[in-house]
C-alpha atoms as a PDB file:
ATOM      1  CA  MET A   1       0.000   0.000   0.000  1.00  0.00           C
ATOM      2  CA  LYS A   2       1.351   3.419  -0.969  1.00  0.00           C
ATOM      3  CA  PHE A   3       0.703   6.614   0.904  1.00  0.00           C
ATOM      4  CA  PHE A   4       1.062   9.986  -0.729  1.00  0.00           C
ATOM      5  CA  LEU A   5       1.771  13.195   1.074  1.00  0.00           C
ATOM      6  CA  ARG A   6      -0.957  15.613   0.082  1.00  0.00           C
ATOM      7  CA  GLU A   7       0.266  19.114  -0.573  1.00  0.00           C
ATOM      8  CA  LYS A   8      -1.872  22.150   0.061  1.00  0.00           C
ATOM      9  CA  PRO A   9      -3.101  24.144  -2.938  1.00  0.00           C
ATOM     10  CA  MET A  10      -1.157  27.292  -3.774  1.00  0.00           C
ATOM     11  CA  ASP A  11      -3.964  29.545  -2.544  1.00  0.00           C
ATOM     12  CA  GLU A  12      -3.568  28.093   0.970  1.00  0.00           C
ATOM     13  CA  LYS A  13       0.177  28.731   1.060  1.00  0.00           C
ATOM     14  CA  ARG A  14       1.761  32.022   2.012  1.00  0.00           C
ATOM     15  CA  PHE A  15       5.279  33.070   1.130  1.00  0.00           C
ATOM     16  CA  TYR A  16       7.397  35.473   3.177  1.00  0.00           C
ATOM     17  CA  HIS A  17      10.773  37.080   2.571  1.00  0.00           C
ATOM     18  CA  CYS A  18      13.241  38.973   4.730  1.00  0.00           C
ATOM     19  CA  GLU A  19      14.143  42.405   3.408  1.00  0.00           C
ATOM     20  CA  THR A  20      17.487  42.326   5.247  1.00  0.00           C
ATOM     21  CA  CYS A  21      19.061  38.975   4.307  1.00  0.00           C
ATOM     22  CA  GLY A  22      16.753  37.741   1.514  1.00  0.00           C
ATOM     23  CA  GLU A  23      15.661  34.552   3.312  1.00  0.00           C
ATOM     24  CA  GLN A  24      12.412  33.120   1.885  1.00  0.00           C
ATOM     25  CA  ILE A  25      10.001  30.720   3.595  1.00  0.00           C
ATOM     26  CA  GLU A  26       6.652  29.089   2.859  1.00  0.00           C
ATOM     27  CA  ILE A  27       3.889  28.879   5.487  1.00  0.00           C
ATOM     28  CA  THR A  28       1.123  26.293   5.107  1.00  0.00           C
ATOM     29  CA  GLU A  29      -0.393  26.446   8.596  1.00  0.00           C
ATOM     30  CA  GLU A  30      -3.579  28.441   8.988  1.00  0.00           C
ATOM     31  CA  ASN A  31      -3.607  31.290  11.506  1.00  0.00           C
ATOM     32  CA  SER A  32       0.156  31.144  11.991  1.00  0.00           C
ATOM     33  CA  PRO A  33       1.863  34.358  13.146  1.00  0.00           C
ATOM     34  CA  VAL A  34       4.034  36.376  10.796  1.00  0.00           C
ATOM     35  CA  PRO A  35       7.531  34.853  10.927  1.00  0.00           C
ATOM     36  CA  GLU A  36      10.525  36.905  12.025  1.00  0.00           C
ATOM     37  CA  CYS A  37      14.042  37.023  10.620  1.00  0.00           C
ATOM     38  CA  CYS A  38      16.951  39.340  11.490  1.00  0.00           C
ATOM     39  CA  ASN A  39      14.941  40.554  14.525  1.00  0.00           C
ATOM     40  CA  GLN A  40      12.105  41.984  12.400  1.00  0.00           C
ATOM     41  CA  PRO A  41       8.829  40.661  10.925  1.00  0.00           C
ATOM     42  CA  MET A  42       9.131  39.186   7.444  1.00  0.00           C
ATOM     43  CA  LYS A  43       7.154  40.702   4.551  1.00  0.00           C
ATOM     44  CA  GLU A  44       4.530  38.635   2.733  1.00  0.00           C
ATOM     45  CA  ALA A  45       5.476  38.104  -0.910  1.00  0.00           C
ATOM     46  CA  LYS A  46       2.923  39.318  -3.451  1.00  0.00           C
ATOM     47  CA  ASP A  47       2.359  38.186  -7.040  1.00  0.00           C
ATOM     48  CA  LEU A  48       5.013  39.572  -9.317  1.00  0.00           C
ATOM     49  CA  GLN A  49       3.637  41.310 -12.404  1.00  0.00           C
ATOM     50  CA  SER A  50       6.744  40.300 -14.346  1.00  0.00           C
ATOM     51  CA  CYS A  51       5.753  36.655 -13.836  1.00  0.00           C
ATOM     52  CA  LEU A  52       2.227  37.255 -15.114  1.00  0.00           C
ATOM     53  CA  GLU A  53       3.058  39.242 -18.259  1.00  0.00           C
ATOM     54  CA  SER A  54       5.043  38.374 -21.358  1.00  0.00           C
ATOM     55  CA  SER A  55       8.358  40.068 -21.949  1.00  0.00           C
ATOM     56  CA  THR A  56       8.009  39.885 -25.761  1.00  0.00           C
ATOM     57  CA  ALA A  57       5.155  40.471 -28.207  1.00  0.00           C
ATOM     58  CA  GLU A  58       5.548  36.959 -29.637  1.00  0.00           C
ATOM     59  CA  HIS A  59       4.613  35.391 -26.304  1.00  0.00           C
ATOM     60  CA  SER A  60       1.767  37.711 -25.351  1.00  0.00           C
ATOM     61  CA  ARG A  61      -1.787  36.418 -25.192  1.00  0.00           C
ATOM     62  CA  PHE A  62      -4.610  38.245 -26.917  1.00  0.00           C
ATOM     63  CA  GLU A  63      -7.431  36.338 -25.208  1.00  0.00           C
ATOM     64  CA  GLN A  64      -8.527  36.452 -21.590  1.00  0.00           C
ATOM     65  CA  SER A  65      -5.762  35.284 -19.259  1.00  0.00           C
ATOM     66  CA  ASP A  66      -7.981  32.595 -17.703  1.00  0.00           C
ATOM     67  CA  GLU A  67      -8.580  30.846 -21.050  1.00  0.00           C
ATOM     68  CA  PRO A  68      -6.283  27.984 -22.090  1.00  0.00           C
ATOM     69  CA  CYS A  69      -3.409  28.754 -24.444  1.00  0.00           C
ATOM     70  CA  ASP A  70      -3.673  27.865 -28.143  1.00  0.00           C
ATOM     71  CA  ASP A  71      -0.451  26.112 -29.058  1.00  0.00           C
ATOM     72  CA  GLY A  72      -1.259  26.120 -32.781  1.00  0.00           C
ATOM     73  CA  ARG A  73      -2.198  22.447 -33.113  1.00  0.00           C
ATOM     74  CA  SER A  74      -5.893  23.179 -33.685  1.00  0.00           C
ATOM     75  CA  GLY A  75      -5.266  24.561 -37.183  1.00  0.00           C
ATOM     76  CA  LYS A  76      -7.021  27.839 -36.380  1.00  0.00           C
ATOM     77  CA  ILE A  77      -5.122  31.010 -37.081  1.00  0.00           C
END
């Protein structure tokens, strides 16, 4: 019998970083206090716009961002 460790979905995880030393941690426990590093509270990491947007016109999407990508195999242009 195999047992699998179930990971929490990304929306239940929180990511923090230290502005002093750059340490990054992931918190999966609900209602946990804000972690501290270098004797100060860590800052919660937010979504980075550079990760959500294309850096070149060739890779940009013209449809809604929640629709699946068209990889060109459908034959539609």
